[in-house]
Structure formats: structure tokens, C-alpha cells
Amino acid sequence: MADKSKMKCNVVKASDRAGKKKMVKACEGGKEKLIHFGAKGYGHNYSAAARKSFRARHKCSTAKSKLTARYWACKKLWAGRGGSTKSSPQSRQGKY
């Protein structure tokens, strides 16, 4: 488990929680909160279309509070342009 007292505020790093990609010690308005975000099984943003869908679905334009996982997922995982050239993990390809 991460030691929150030794972490810097608002600096994203790899998560130590199973199933999560990233964690951050979010600091805002005198409050501190350890937030784990990003589902590990999904790889990363594959395409502009996937990014656009995620941002619309999670209403990223209204995510203002640093104390929420939504804010950090929108800002760090789904904000970039271009997407990845990697293919989707085998566990996610058409197994429904």
C-alpha cells in the first residue's frame, strides 16, 4: 500500500492496487485523497474514436474536482491525441 504522507500532491504514478493503472495523491482546497484510476484490462486509448466516446460518456468537460477519479482519468489517460497503434488485448477482442 502506498504511503500517502510521502507522496507529492497531484503527481500521477503507477498504482499498487490490483486492477488499477494509476494512482495520485489529489490535493485541493486543504483536502488530500488517494485516488486509484484506470482499468488495467483495457490497455490504453486505442483511437480517436475510443477517446471521443470515453470523454463523452464520462462528461470530461465538466470534471473539475481533483478529488475525483473521473478528473484524473480524463486528464491523464484519455486527454492525449493520436491514440495507440497497439491492438486491443486478446481478452477484449470479440469475446461476448
PDB file of N, CA and C in Angstrom:
ATOM      1  N   MET A   1       0.847  -1.195   0.000  1.00  0.00           N
ATOM      2  CA  MET A   1       0.000   0.000   0.000  1.00  0.00           C
ATOM      3  C   MET A   1       0.882   1.244   0.000  1.00  0.00           C
ATOM      4  N   ALA A   2       0.496   2.216  -0.775  1.00  0.00           N
ATOM      5  CA  ALA A   2       1.262   3.453  -0.886  1.00  0.00           C
ATOM      6  C   ALA A   2       1.149   4.275   0.398  1.00  0.00           C
ATOM      7  N   ASP A   3       2.256   4.922   0.763  1.00  0.00           N
ATOM      8  CA  ASP A   3       2.260   5.781   1.940  1.00  0.00           C
ATOM      9  C   ASP A   3       1.898   7.199   1.488  1.00  0.00           C
ATOM     10  N   LYS A   4       0.661   7.576   1.735  1.00  0.00           N
ATOM     11  CA  LYS A   4       0.156   8.870   1.265  1.00  0.00           C
ATOM     12  C   LYS A   4       0.990  10.036   1.777  1.00  0.00           C
ATOM     13  N   SER A   5       1.510   9.927   2.997  1.00  0.00           N
ATOM     14  CA  SER A   5       2.245  11.043   3.594  1.00  0.00           C
ATOM     15  C   SER A   5       3.555  11.338   2.868  1.00  0.00           C
ATOM     16  N   LYS A   6       4.091  10.337   2.166  1.00  0.00           N
ATOM     17  CA  LYS A   6       5.367  10.532   1.459  1.00  0.00           C
ATOM     18  C   LYS A   6       5.187  10.924  -0.005  1.00  0.00           C
ATOM     19  N   MET A   7       3.950  10.904  -0.484  1.00  0.00           N
ATOM     20  CA  MET A   7       3.691  11.225  -1.890  1.00  0.00           C
ATOM     21  C   MET A   7       3.540  12.729  -2.094  1.00  0.00           C
ATOM     22  N   LYS A   8       3.921  13.200  -3.288  1.00  0.00           N
ATOM     23  CA  LYS A   8       3.719  14.599  -3.644  1.00  0.00           C
ATOM     24  C   LYS A   8       2.292  14.786  -4.140  1.00  0.00           C
ATOM     25  N   CYS A   9       1.767  15.965  -3.902  1.00  0.00           N
ATOM     26  CA  CYS A   9       0.404  16.273  -4.340  1.00  0.00           C
ATOM     27  C   CYS A   9       0.292  16.319  -5.856  1.00  0.00           C
ATOM     28  N   ASN A  10      -0.791  15.750  -6.372  1.00  0.00           N
ATOM     29  CA  ASN A  10      -1.174  15.834  -7.781  1.00  0.00           C
ATOM     30  C   ASN A  10      -0.108  15.326  -8.754  1.00  0.00           C
ATOM     31  N   VAL A  11       0.662  14.307  -8.327  1.00  0.00           N
ATOM     32  CA  VAL A  11       1.642  13.668  -9.200  1.00  0.00           C
ATOM     33  C   VAL A  11       1.193  12.221  -9.417  1.00  0.00           C
ATOM     34  N   VAL A  12       0.889  11.893 -10.667  1.00  0.00           N
ATOM     35  CA  VAL A  12       0.372  10.572 -11.011  1.00  0.00           C
ATOM     36  C   VAL A  12       1.511   9.564 -11.074  1.00  0.00           C
ATOM     37  N   LYS A  13       1.280   8.367 -10.503  1.00  0.00           N
ATOM     38  CA  LYS A  13       2.253   7.281 -10.607  1.00  0.00           C
ATOM     39  C   LYS A  13       1.515   5.954 -10.739  1.00  0.00           C
ATOM     40  N   ALA A  14       2.256   4.897 -11.008  1.00  0.00           N
ATOM     41  CA  ALA A  14       1.648   3.576 -11.183  1.00  0.00           C
ATOM     42  C   ALA A  14       0.971   3.139  -9.890  1.00  0.00           C
ATOM     43  N   SER A  15      -0.186   2.525 -10.029  1.00  0.00           N
ATOM     44  CA  SER A  15      -0.958   2.093  -8.869  1.00  0.00           C
ATOM     45  C   SER A  15      -0.432   0.777  -8.317  1.00  0.00           C
ATOM     46  N   ASP A  16      -0.592   0.597  -7.004  1.00  0.00           N
ATOM     47  CA  ASP A  16      -0.238  -0.674  -6.383  1.00  0.00           C
ATOM     48  C   ASP A  16      -1.490  -1.507  -6.093  1.00  0.00           C
ATOM     49  N   ARG A  17      -2.636  -1.021  -6.524  1.00  0.00           N
ATOM     50  CA  ARG A  17      -3.902  -1.735  -6.307  1.00  0.00           C
ATOM     51  C   ARG A  17      -4.190  -2.638  -7.509  1.00  0.00           C
ATOM     52  N   ALA A  18      -4.609  -3.851  -7.218  1.00  0.00           N
ATOM     53  CA  ALA A  18      -4.917  -4.814  -8.282  1.00  0.00           C
ATOM     54  C   ALA A  18      -6.024  -4.273  -9.182  1.00  0.00           C
ATOM     55  N   GLY A  19      -5.808  -4.366 -10.495  1.00  0.00           N
ATOM     56  CA  GLY A  19      -6.828  -3.958 -11.447  1.00  0.00           C
ATOM     57  C   GLY A  19      -6.844  -2.480 -11.784  1.00  0.00           C
ATOM     58  N   LYS A  20      -5.965  -1.693 -11.177  1.00  0.00           N
ATOM     59  CA  LYS A  20      -5.916  -0.256 -11.464  1.00  0.00           C
ATOM     60  C   LYS A  20      -4.571   0.118 -12.071  1.00  0.00           C
ATOM     61  N   LYS A  21      -4.584   1.095 -12.984  1.00  0.00           N
ATOM     62  CA  LYS A  21      -3.368   1.509 -13.676  1.00  0.00           C
ATOM     63  C   LYS A  21      -2.573   2.565 -12.914  1.00  0.00           C
ATOM     64  N   LYS A  22      -3.243   3.589 -12.465  1.00  0.00           N
ATOM     65  CA  LYS A  22      -2.554   4.753 -11.903  1.00  0.00           C
ATOM     66  C   LYS A  22      -3.130   5.131 -10.551  1.00  0.00           C
ATOM     67  N   MET A  23      -2.335   5.893  -9.800  1.00  0.00           N
ATOM     68  CA  MET A  23      -2.830   6.469  -8.551  1.00  0.00           C
ATOM     69  C   MET A  23      -2.228   7.853  -8.399  1.00  0.00           C
ATOM     70  N   VAL A  24      -2.918   8.665  -7.611  1.00  0.00           N
ATOM     71  CA  VAL A  24      -2.464  10.030  -7.388  1.00  0.00           C
ATOM     72  C   VAL A  24      -2.914  10.470  -5.995  1.00  0.00           C
ATOM     73  N   LYS A  25      -2.076  11.238  -5.337  1.00  0.00           N
ATOM     74  CA  LYS A  25      -2.490  11.877  -4.083  1.00  0.00           C
ATOM     75  C   LYS A  25      -3.059  13.226  -4.510  1.00  0.00           C
ATOM     76  N   ALA A  26      -4.374  13.302  -4.547  1.00  0.00           N
ATOM     77  CA  ALA A  26      -5.052  14.512  -5.007  1.00  0.00           C
ATOM     78  C   ALA A  26      -5.166  15.498  -3.849  1.00  0.00           C
ATOM     79  N   CYS A  27      -4.760  16.726  -4.098  1.00  0.00           N
ATOM     80  CA  CYS A  27      -4.829  17.768  -3.079  1.00  0.00           C
ATOM     81  C   CYS A  27      -5.578  18.968  -3.657  1.00  0.00           C
ATOM     82  N   GLU A  28      -6.606  19.396  -2.948  1.00  0.00           N
ATOM     83  CA  GLU A  28      -7.395  20.539  -3.408  1.00  0.00           C
ATOM     84  C   GLU A  28      -8.158  21.107  -2.220  1.00  0.00           C
ATOM     85  N   GLY A  29      -8.097  22.411  -2.059  1.00  0.00           N
ATOM     86  CA  GLY A  29      -8.863  23.077  -1.009  1.00  0.00           C
ATOM     87  C   GLY A  29      -8.562  22.576   0.398  1.00  0.00           C
ATOM     88  N   GLY A  30      -7.302  22.248   0.674  1.00  0.00           N
ATOM     89  CA  GLY A  30      -6.928  21.773   2.002  1.00  0.00           C
ATOM     90  C   GLY A  30      -7.256  20.317   2.269  1.00  0.00           C
ATOM     91  N   LYS A  31      -7.781  19.607   1.263  1.00  0.00           N
ATOM     92  CA  LYS A  31      -8.112  18.189   1.422  1.00  0.00           C
ATOM     93  C   LYS A  31      -7.107  17.342   0.651  1.00  0.00           C
ATOM     94  N   GLU A  32      -6.859  16.145   1.160  1.00  0.00           N
ATOM     95  CA  GLU A  32      -5.993  15.181   0.488  1.00  0.00           C
ATOM     96  C   GLU A  32      -6.744  13.871   0.344  1.00  0.00           C
ATOM     97  N   LYS A  33      -6.543  13.201  -0.798  1.00  0.00           N
ATOM     98  CA  LYS A  33      -7.238  11.940  -1.033  1.00  0.00           C
ATOM     99  C   LYS A  33      -6.393  11.088  -1.964  1.00  0.00           C
ATOM    100  N   LEU A  34      -6.239   9.821  -1.643  1.00  0.00           N
ATOM    101  CA  LEU A  34      -5.506   8.903  -2.510  1.00  0.00           C
ATOM    102  C   LEU A  34      -6.498   8.274  -3.484  1.00  0.00           C
ATOM    103  N   ILE A  35      -6.258   8.482  -4.773  1.00  0.00           N
ATOM    104  CA  ILE A  35      -7.195   8.024  -5.801  1.00  0.00           C
ATOM    105  C   ILE A  35      -6.501   7.042  -6.739  1.00  0.00           C
ATOM    106  N   HIS A  36      -7.137   5.902  -6.966  1.00  0.00           N
ATOM    107  CA  HIS A  36      -6.663   4.911  -7.935  1.00  0.00           C
ATOM    108  C   HIS A  36      -7.624   4.966  -9.119  1.00  0.00           C
ATOM    109  N   PHE A  37      -7.081   5.012 -10.345  1.00  0.00           N
ATOM    110  CA  PHE A  37      -7.963   5.116 -11.510  1.00  0.00           C
ATOM    111  C   PHE A  37      -7.380   4.378 -12.707  1.00  0.00           C
ATOM    112  N   GLY A  38      -8.245   4.081 -13.666  1.00  0.00           N
ATOM    113  CA  GLY A  38      -7.847   3.397 -14.887  1.00  0.00           C
ATOM    114  C   GLY A  38      -7.935   1.893 -14.737  1.00  0.00           C
ATOM    115  N   ALA A  39      -8.741   1.250 -15.575  1.00  0.00           N
ATOM    116  CA  ALA A  39      -8.891  -0.207 -15.521  1.00  0.00           C
ATOM    117  C   ALA A  39      -7.746  -0.861 -16.278  1.00  0.00           C
ATOM    118  N   LYS A  40      -7.035  -1.776 -15.626  1.00  0.00           N
ATOM    119  CA  LYS A  40      -5.857  -2.407 -16.222  1.00  0.00           C
ATOM    120  C   LYS A  40      -6.175  -3.255 -17.446  1.00  0.00           C
ATOM    121  N   GLY A  41      -7.308  -3.917 -17.465  1.00  0.00           N
ATOM    122  CA  GLY A  41      -7.629  -4.835 -18.552  1.00  0.00           C
ATOM    123  C   GLY A  41      -7.873  -4.190 -19.904  1.00  0.00           C
ATOM    124  N   TYR A  42      -7.932  -2.883 -19.969  1.00  0.00           N
ATOM    125  CA  TYR A  42      -8.298  -2.216 -21.219  1.00  0.00           C
ATOM    126  C   TYR A  42      -7.135  -1.646 -22.012  1.00  0.00           C
ATOM    127  N   GLY A  43      -5.888  -1.890 -21.622  1.00  0.00           N
ATOM    128  CA  GLY A  43      -4.779  -1.314 -22.371  1.00  0.00           C
ATOM    129  C   GLY A  43      -4.830   0.190 -22.275  1.00  0.00           C
ATOM    130  N   HIS A  44      -4.619   0.891 -23.399  1.00  0.00           N
ATOM    131  CA  HIS A  44      -4.771   2.344 -23.361  1.00  0.00           C
ATOM    132  C   HIS A  44      -5.534   2.859 -24.570  1.00  0.00           C
ATOM    133  N   ASN A  45      -5.674   4.189 -24.650  1.00  0.00           N
ATOM    134  CA  ASN A  45      -6.570   4.773 -25.656  1.00  0.00           C
ATOM    135  C   ASN A  45      -6.122   4.409 -27.075  1.00  0.00           C
ATOM    136  N   TYR A  46      -6.909   3.575 -27.693  1.00  0.00           N
ATOM    137  CA  TYR A  46      -6.536   2.983 -28.971  1.00  0.00           C
ATOM    138  C   TYR A  46      -6.756   3.898 -30.156  1.00  0.00           C
ATOM    139  N   SER A  47      -7.765   4.718 -30.104  1.00  0.00           N
ATOM    140  CA  SER A  47      -8.074   5.514 -31.282  1.00  0.00           C
ATOM    141  C   SER A  47      -8.759   6.808 -30.884  1.00  0.00           C
ATOM    142  N   ALA A  48      -8.827   7.719 -31.830  1.00  0.00           N
ATOM    143  CA  ALA A  48      -9.520   8.983 -31.590  1.00  0.00           C
ATOM    144  C   ALA A  48     -10.992   8.718 -31.289  1.00  0.00           C
ATOM    145  N   ALA A  49     -11.565   7.715 -31.932  1.00  0.00           N
ATOM    146  CA  ALA A  49     -12.981   7.395 -31.716  1.00  0.00           C
ATOM    147  C   ALA A  49     -13.208   6.863 -30.295  1.00  0.00           C
ATOM    148  N   ALA A  50     -12.303   6.001 -29.822  1.00  0.00           N
ATOM    149  CA  ALA A  50     -12.430   5.459 -28.460  1.00  0.00           C
ATOM    150  C   ALA A  50     -12.295   6.582 -27.437  1.00  0.00           C
ATOM    151  N   ARG A  51     -11.350   7.476 -27.689  1.00  0.00           N
ATOM    152  CA  ARG A  51     -11.123   8.606 -26.784  1.00  0.00           C
ATOM    153  C   ARG A  51     -12.341   9.536 -26.762  1.00  0.00           C
ATOM    154  N   LYS A  52     -12.893   9.803 -27.925  1.00  0.00           N
ATOM    155  CA  LYS A  52     -14.063  10.672 -28.026  1.00  0.00           C
ATOM    156  C   LYS A  52     -15.251  10.058 -27.286  1.00  0.00           C
ATOM    157  N   SER A  53     -15.448   8.752 -27.436  1.00  0.00           N
ATOM    158  CA  SER A  53     -16.546   8.060 -26.760  1.00  0.00           C
ATOM    159  C   SER A  53     -16.373   8.091 -25.249  1.00  0.00           C
ATOM    160  N   PHE A  54     -15.160   7.817 -24.783  1.00  0.00           N
ATOM    161  CA  PHE A  54     -14.899   7.826 -23.341  1.00  0.00           C
ATOM    162  C   PHE A  54     -15.170   9.211 -22.767  1.00  0.00           C
ATOM    163  N   ARG A  55     -14.637  10.231 -23.423  1.00  0.00           N
ATOM    164  CA  ARG A  55     -14.770  11.598 -22.909  1.00  0.00           C
ATOM    165  C   ARG A  55     -16.239  12.045 -22.887  1.00  0.00           C
ATOM    166  N   ALA A  56     -17.029  11.618 -23.860  1.00  0.00           N
ATOM    167  CA  ALA A  56     -18.451  11.963 -23.874  1.00  0.00           C
ATOM    168  C   ALA A  56     -19.206  11.188 -22.794  1.00  0.00           C
ATOM    169  N   ARG A  57     -18.903   9.895 -22.688  1.00  0.00           N
ATOM    170  CA  ARG A  57     -19.582   9.027 -21.728  1.00  0.00           C
ATOM    171  C   ARG A  57     -19.333   9.467 -20.288  1.00  0.00           C
ATOM    172  N   HIS A  58     -18.126   9.943 -20.011  1.00  0.00           N
ATOM    173  CA  HIS A  58     -17.773  10.353 -18.648  1.00  0.00           C
ATOM    174  C   HIS A  58     -17.878  11.864 -18.423  1.00  0.00           C
ATOM    175  N   LYS A  59     -18.408  12.561 -19.425  1.00  0.00           N
ATOM    176  CA  LYS A  59     -18.596  14.013 -19.332  1.00  0.00           C
ATOM    177  C   LYS A  59     -17.325  14.718 -18.850  1.00  0.00           C
ATOM    178  N   CYS A  60     -16.237  14.473 -19.555  1.00  0.00           N
ATOM    179  CA  CYS A  60     -14.929  15.006 -19.160  1.00  0.00           C
ATOM    180  C   CYS A  60     -14.885  16.536 -19.149  1.00  0.00           C
ATOM    181  N   SER A  61     -15.702  17.171 -19.948  1.00  0.00           N
ATOM    182  CA  SER A  61     -15.693  18.636 -19.984  1.00  0.00           C
ATOM    183  C   SER A  61     -16.166  19.258 -18.683  1.00  0.00           C
ATOM    184  N   THR A  62     -16.879  18.479 -17.842  1.00  0.00           N
ATOM    185  CA  THR A  62     -17.378  19.022 -16.575  1.00  0.00           C
ATOM    186  C   THR A  62     -16.577  18.510 -15.370  1.00  0.00           C
ATOM    187  N   ALA A  63     -15.531  17.726 -15.599  1.00  0.00           N
ATOM    188  CA  ALA A  63     -14.737  17.158 -14.492  1.00  0.00           C
ATOM    189  C   ALA A  63     -13.770  18.216 -13.971  1.00  0.00           C
ATOM    190  N   LYS A  64     -14.137  18.878 -12.886  1.00  0.00           N
ATOM    191  CA  LYS A  64     -13.329  19.981 -12.364  1.00  0.00           C
ATOM    192  C   LYS A  64     -12.618  19.659 -11.050  1.00  0.00           C
ATOM    193  N   SER A  65     -13.173  18.751 -10.242  1.00  0.00           N
ATOM    194  CA  SER A  65     -12.597  18.479  -8.923  1.00  0.00           C
ATOM    195  C   SER A  65     -11.450  17.479  -9.010  1.00  0.00           C
ATOM    196  N   LYS A  66     -10.283  17.878  -8.500  1.00  0.00           N
ATOM    197  CA  LYS A  66      -9.121  16.995  -8.495  1.00  0.00           C
ATOM    198  C   LYS A  66      -9.299  15.822  -7.538  1.00  0.00           C
ATOM    199  N   LEU A  67     -10.335  15.847  -6.722  1.00  0.00           N
ATOM    200  CA  LEU A  67     -10.559  14.794  -5.745  1.00  0.00           C
ATOM    201  C   LEU A  67     -11.386  13.637  -6.312  1.00  0.00           C
ATOM    202  N   THR A  68     -11.568  13.600  -7.643  1.00  0.00           N
ATOM    203  CA  THR A  68     -12.343  12.530  -8.267  1.00  0.00           C
ATOM    204  C   THR A  68     -11.487  11.731  -9.251  1.00  0.00           C
ATOM    205  N   ALA A  69     -11.781  10.447  -9.368  1.00  0.00           N
ATOM    206  CA  ALA A  69     -11.082   9.596 -10.329  1.00  0.00           C
ATOM    207  C   ALA A  69     -11.420  10.031 -11.758  1.00  0.00           C
ATOM    208  N   ARG A  70     -12.636  10.509 -11.964  1.00  0.00           N
ATOM    209  CA  ARG A  70     -13.060  10.958 -13.297  1.00  0.00           C
ATOM    210  C   ARG A  70     -12.148  12.063 -13.814  1.00  0.00           C
ATOM    211  N   TYR A  71     -11.821  13.034 -12.962  1.00  0.00           N
ATOM    212  CA  TYR A  71     -10.940  14.141 -13.344  1.00  0.00           C
ATOM    213  C   TYR A  71      -9.599  13.597 -13.848  1.00  0.00           C
ATOM    214  N   TRP A  72      -9.000  12.678 -13.070  1.00  0.00           N
ATOM    215  CA  TRP A  72      -7.664  12.179 -13.409  1.00  0.00           C
ATOM    216  C   TRP A  72      -7.686  11.274 -14.634  1.00  0.00           C
ATOM    217  N   ALA A  73      -8.728  10.456 -14.777  1.00  0.00           N
ATOM    218  CA  ALA A  73      -8.824   9.593 -15.956  1.00  0.00           C
ATOM    219  C   ALA A  73      -8.952  10.445 -17.217  1.00  0.00           C
ATOM    220  N   CYS A  74      -9.764  11.479 -17.139  1.00  0.00           N
ATOM    221  CA  CYS A  74      -9.953  12.373 -18.290  1.00  0.00           C
ATOM    222  C   CYS A  74      -8.667  13.127 -18.604  1.00  0.00           C
ATOM    223  N   LYS A  75      -7.986  13.594 -17.589  1.00  0.00           N
ATOM    224  CA  LYS A  75      -6.795  14.425 -17.768  1.00  0.00           C
ATOM    225  C   LYS A  75      -5.572  13.620 -18.206  1.00  0.00           C
ATOM    226  N   LYS A  76      -5.341  12.472 -17.572  1.00  0.00           N
ATOM    227  CA  LYS A  76      -4.106  11.732 -17.818  1.00  0.00           C
ATOM    228  C   LYS A  76      -4.233  10.562 -18.792  1.00  0.00           C
ATOM    229  N   LEU A  77      -5.326   9.832 -18.744  1.00  0.00           N
ATOM    230  CA  LEU A  77      -5.425   8.634 -19.581  1.00  0.00           C
ATOM    231  C   LEU A  77      -6.068   8.897 -20.935  1.00  0.00           C
ATOM    232  N   TRP A  78      -7.009   9.820 -21.000  1.00  0.00           N
ATOM    233  CA  TRP A  78      -7.804   9.982 -22.217  1.00  0.00           C
ATOM    234  C   TRP A  78      -7.691  11.355 -22.855  1.00  0.00           C
ATOM    235  N   ALA A  79      -6.700  12.144 -22.470  1.00  0.00           N
ATOM    236  CA  ALA A  79      -6.598  13.503 -22.995  1.00  0.00           C
ATOM    237  C   ALA A  79      -5.755  13.596 -24.262  1.00  0.00           C
ATOM    238  N   GLY A  80      -4.776  12.702 -24.407  1.00  0.00           N
ATOM    239  CA  GLY A  80      -3.812  12.798 -25.496  1.00  0.00           C
ATOM    240  C   GLY A  80      -4.407  12.681 -26.881  1.00  0.00           C
ATOM    241  N   ARG A  81      -3.664  13.113 -27.870  1.00  0.00           N
ATOM    242  CA  ARG A  81      -4.126  12.987 -29.241  1.00  0.00           C
ATOM    243  C   ARG A  81      -3.399  11.845 -29.928  1.00  0.00           C
ATOM    244  N   GLY A  82      -4.006  11.288 -30.952  1.00  0.00           N
ATOM    245  CA  GLY A  82      -3.348  10.271 -31.751  1.00  0.00           C
ATOM    246  C   GLY A  82      -3.692   8.851 -31.381  1.00  0.00           C
ATOM    247  N   GLY A  83      -3.764   8.560 -30.105  1.00  0.00           N
ATOM    248  CA  GLY A  83      -4.077   7.199 -29.689  1.00  0.00           C
ATOM    249  C   GLY A  83      -2.895   6.262 -29.848  1.00  0.00           C
ATOM    250  N   SER A  84      -3.127   4.997 -29.647  1.00  0.00           N
ATOM    251  CA  SER A  84      -2.075   3.993 -29.688  1.00  0.00           C
ATOM    252  C   SER A  84      -2.165   3.172 -30.962  1.00  0.00           C
ATOM    253  N   THR A  85      -1.031   2.667 -31.398  1.00  0.00           N
ATOM    254  CA  THR A  85      -1.024   1.788 -32.558  1.00  0.00           C
ATOM    255  C   THR A  85      -1.135   0.337 -32.121  1.00  0.00           C
ATOM    256  N   LYS A  86      -1.098   0.088 -30.816  1.00  0.00           N
ATOM    257  CA  LYS A  86      -1.249  -1.271 -30.291  1.00  0.00           C
ATOM    258  C   LYS A  86      -2.668  -1.761 -30.536  1.00  0.00           C
ATOM    259  N   SER A  87      -2.790  -3.061 -30.728  1.00  0.00           N
ATOM    260  CA  SER A  87      -4.134  -3.609 -30.873  1.00  0.00           C
ATOM    261  C   SER A  87      -4.720  -3.875 -29.491  1.00  0.00           C
ATOM    262  N   SER A  88      -6.002  -4.046 -29.454  1.00  0.00           N
ATOM    263  CA  SER A  88      -6.701  -4.321 -28.204  1.00  0.00           C
ATOM    264  C   SER A  88      -6.226  -5.646 -27.619  1.00  0.00           C
ATOM    265  N   PRO A  89      -6.156  -5.753 -26.289  1.00  0.00           N
ATOM    266  CA  PRO A  89      -5.737  -7.026 -25.685  1.00  0.00           C
ATOM    267  C   PRO A  89      -6.646  -8.175 -26.133  1.00  0.00           C
ATOM    268  N   GLN A  90      -6.088  -9.366 -26.266  1.00  0.00           N
ATOM    269  CA  GLN A  90      -6.829 -10.530 -26.744  1.00  0.00           C
ATOM    270  C   GLN A  90      -8.065 -10.803 -25.894  1.00  0.00           C
ATOM    271  N   SER A  91      -7.962 -10.528 -24.607  1.00  0.00           N
ATOM    272  CA  SER A  91      -9.091 -10.790 -23.710  1.00  0.00           C
ATOM    273  C   SER A  91     -10.297  -9.890 -24.009  1.00  0.00           C
ATOM    274  N   ARG A  92     -10.094  -8.824 -24.750  1.00  0.00           N
ATOM    275  CA  ARG A  92     -11.178  -7.869 -25.036  1.00  0.00           C
ATOM    276  C   ARG A  92     -11.677  -7.964 -26.487  1.00  0.00           C
ATOM    277  N   GLN A  93     -11.093  -8.806 -27.314  1.00  0.00           N
ATOM    278  CA  GLN A  93     -11.461  -8.834 -28.727  1.00  0.00           C
ATOM    279  C   GLN A  93     -12.592  -9.827 -29.014  1.00  0.00           C
ATOM    280  N   GLY A  94     -13.792  -9.301 -29.113  1.00  0.00           N
ATOM    281  CA  GLY A  94     -14.937 -10.059 -29.556  1.00  0.00           C
ATOM    282  C   GLY A  94     -15.324 -11.288 -28.761  1.00  0.00           C
ATOM    283  N   LYS A  95     -15.047 -11.317 -27.497  1.00  0.00           N
ATOM    284  CA  LYS A  95     -15.441 -12.470 -26.671  1.00  0.00           C
ATOM    285  C   LYS A  95     -16.672 -12.129 -25.846  1.00  0.00           C
ATOM    286  N   TYR A  96     -17.801 -12.052 -26.498  1.00  0.00           N
ATOM    287  CA  TYR A  96     -19.038 -11.683 -25.783  1.00  0.00           C
ATOM    288  C   TYR A  96     -20.001 -12.810 -25.851  1.00  0.00           C
TER     289      TYR A  96
END
